[in-house]
């Protein structure tokens, strides 16, 4: 299994990541995606409807949905194994992005 350095990860992120993925990641880090927790905080949804629709265990937040949900983690695990990488799940999207800086 290959372990990437920070500069290698940064190069991958900078060069081959599609613009839509970069935009989504940037919005998620800023907590601007329309997750249920954001919609509840804006008064669009009721307080009792903020659970993740996939796992129904935790609130759907910008960190939970793409990274911490057990179903998202299964997807990430499959991708990581396919790429033959060694990786430890970061606690938040901001921690993930900080790993990518050179």
Protein backbone atom coordinates (compact mmCIF):
# COMPACT_ATOMS: atom_id res chain seq x y z
CA UNK A 1 0.00 0.00 0.00
CA UNK A 2 1.26 3.45 -0.92
CA UNK A 3 1.30 6.18 1.70
CA UNK A 4 1.05 9.60 0.07
CA UNK A 5 2.92 12.61 1.37
CA UNK A 6 1.10 15.88 1.96
CA UNK A 7 2.58 17.38 -1.21
CA UNK A 8 1.41 14.38 -3.28
CA UNK A 9 -2.11 14.63 -1.87
CA UNK A 10 -2.12 18.38 -2.54
CA UNK A 11 -1.04 17.77 -6.14
CA UNK A 12 -3.84 15.26 -6.64
CA UNK A 13 -6.41 17.63 -5.11
CA UNK A 14 -5.12 20.59 -7.11
CA UNK A 15 -4.82 18.84 -10.48
CA UNK A 16 -7.33 16.03 -10.94
CA UNK A 17 -10.19 16.81 -8.59
CA UNK A 18 -13.23 17.87 -10.68
CA UNK A 19 -14.42 21.46 -10.15
CA UNK A 20 -17.81 20.28 -8.86
CA UNK A 21 -16.10 18.18 -6.18
CA UNK A 22 -13.91 21.11 -5.17
CA UNK A 23 -16.98 23.38 -4.92
CA UNK A 24 -18.89 20.82 -2.85
CA UNK A 25 -15.92 20.33 -0.50
CA UNK A 26 -15.47 24.09 -0.10
CA UNK A 27 -19.17 24.56 0.65
CA UNK A 28 -19.19 21.62 3.08
CA UNK A 29 -16.17 22.99 4.97
CA UNK A 30 -17.99 26.33 5.26
CA UNK A 31 -21.17 24.46 6.43
CA UNK A 32 -23.03 25.92 3.46
CA UNK A 33 -24.44 22.73 1.96
CA UNK A 34 -28.16 22.30 2.54
CA UNK A 35 -27.79 19.60 5.19
CA UNK A 36 -30.73 19.06 7.51
CA UNK A 37 -28.90 20.71 10.42
CA UNK A 38 -28.44 23.89 8.35
CA UNK A 39 -32.09 23.82 7.25
CA UNK A 40 -33.22 23.38 10.88
CA UNK A 41 -31.01 26.27 12.01
CA UNK A 42 -32.57 28.48 9.30
CA UNK A 43 -36.09 27.49 10.42
CA UNK A 44 -36.91 25.65 7.18
CA UNK A 45 -37.29 22.22 8.83
CA UNK A 46 -38.64 21.18 12.24
CA UNK A 47 -36.11 20.38 14.98
CA UNK A 48 -37.10 16.70 15.07
CA UNK A 49 -36.31 16.03 11.37
CA UNK A 50 -32.54 16.53 11.32
CA UNK A 51 -31.41 12.87 11.41
CA UNK A 52 -29.29 11.52 8.57
CA UNK A 53 -31.60 9.77 6.07
CA UNK A 54 -29.04 7.02 5.47
CA UNK A 55 -28.18 5.85 8.99
CA UNK A 56 -30.86 7.55 11.15
CA UNK A 57 -28.30 7.65 13.98
CA UNK A 58 -26.91 11.19 14.01
CA UNK A 59 -27.84 14.63 12.79
CA UNK A 60 -27.16 15.31 9.13
CA UNK A 61 -24.32 17.86 9.24
CA UNK A 62 -21.65 19.00 6.82
CA UNK A 63 -19.19 16.65 8.53
CA UNK A 64 -21.50 13.69 9.03
CA UNK A 65 -22.97 13.40 5.55
CA UNK A 66 -19.82 13.11 3.40
CA UNK A 67 -17.40 11.74 5.99
CA UNK A 68 -18.72 10.32 9.27
CA UNK A 69 -21.93 8.48 8.29
CA UNK A 70 -21.39 4.72 8.35
CA UNK A 71 -22.58 4.49 4.72
CA UNK A 72 -20.23 7.26 3.60
CA UNK A 73 -17.43 5.51 5.49
CA UNK A 74 -18.18 2.23 3.66
CA UNK A 75 -17.89 4.09 0.36
CA UNK A 76 -14.62 5.76 1.40
CA UNK A 77 -13.26 2.41 2.58
CA UNK A 78 -14.01 0.80 -0.79
CA UNK A 79 -12.31 3.67 -2.65
CA UNK A 80 -9.29 3.61 -0.34
CA UNK A 81 -8.88 -0.14 -0.74
CA UNK A 82 -9.27 0.15 -4.52
CA UNK A 83 -6.50 2.79 -4.62
CA UNK A 84 -4.38 0.66 -2.24
CA UNK A 85 -3.96 3.54 0.22
CA UNK A 86 -3.42 3.68 3.96
CA UNK A 87 -5.63 6.31 5.56
CA UNK A 88 -7.04 7.28 8.92
CA UNK A 89 -10.43 8.94 8.92
CA UNK A 90 -10.13 12.58 9.99
CA UNK A 91 -12.60 13.88 12.60
CA UNK A 92 -13.86 16.66 10.31
CA UNK A 93 -13.70 17.96 6.76
CA UNK A 94 -11.44 20.81 7.89
CA UNK A 95 -8.97 18.27 9.31
CA UNK A 96 -9.12 16.39 6.01
CA UNK A 97 -8.34 19.51 3.99
CA UNK A 98 -5.49 20.46 6.32
CA UNK A 99 -3.94 17.06 5.53
CA UNK A 100 -3.88 18.05 1.85
CA UNK A 101 -1.87 21.25 2.26
CA UNK A 102 1.77 20.95 1.16
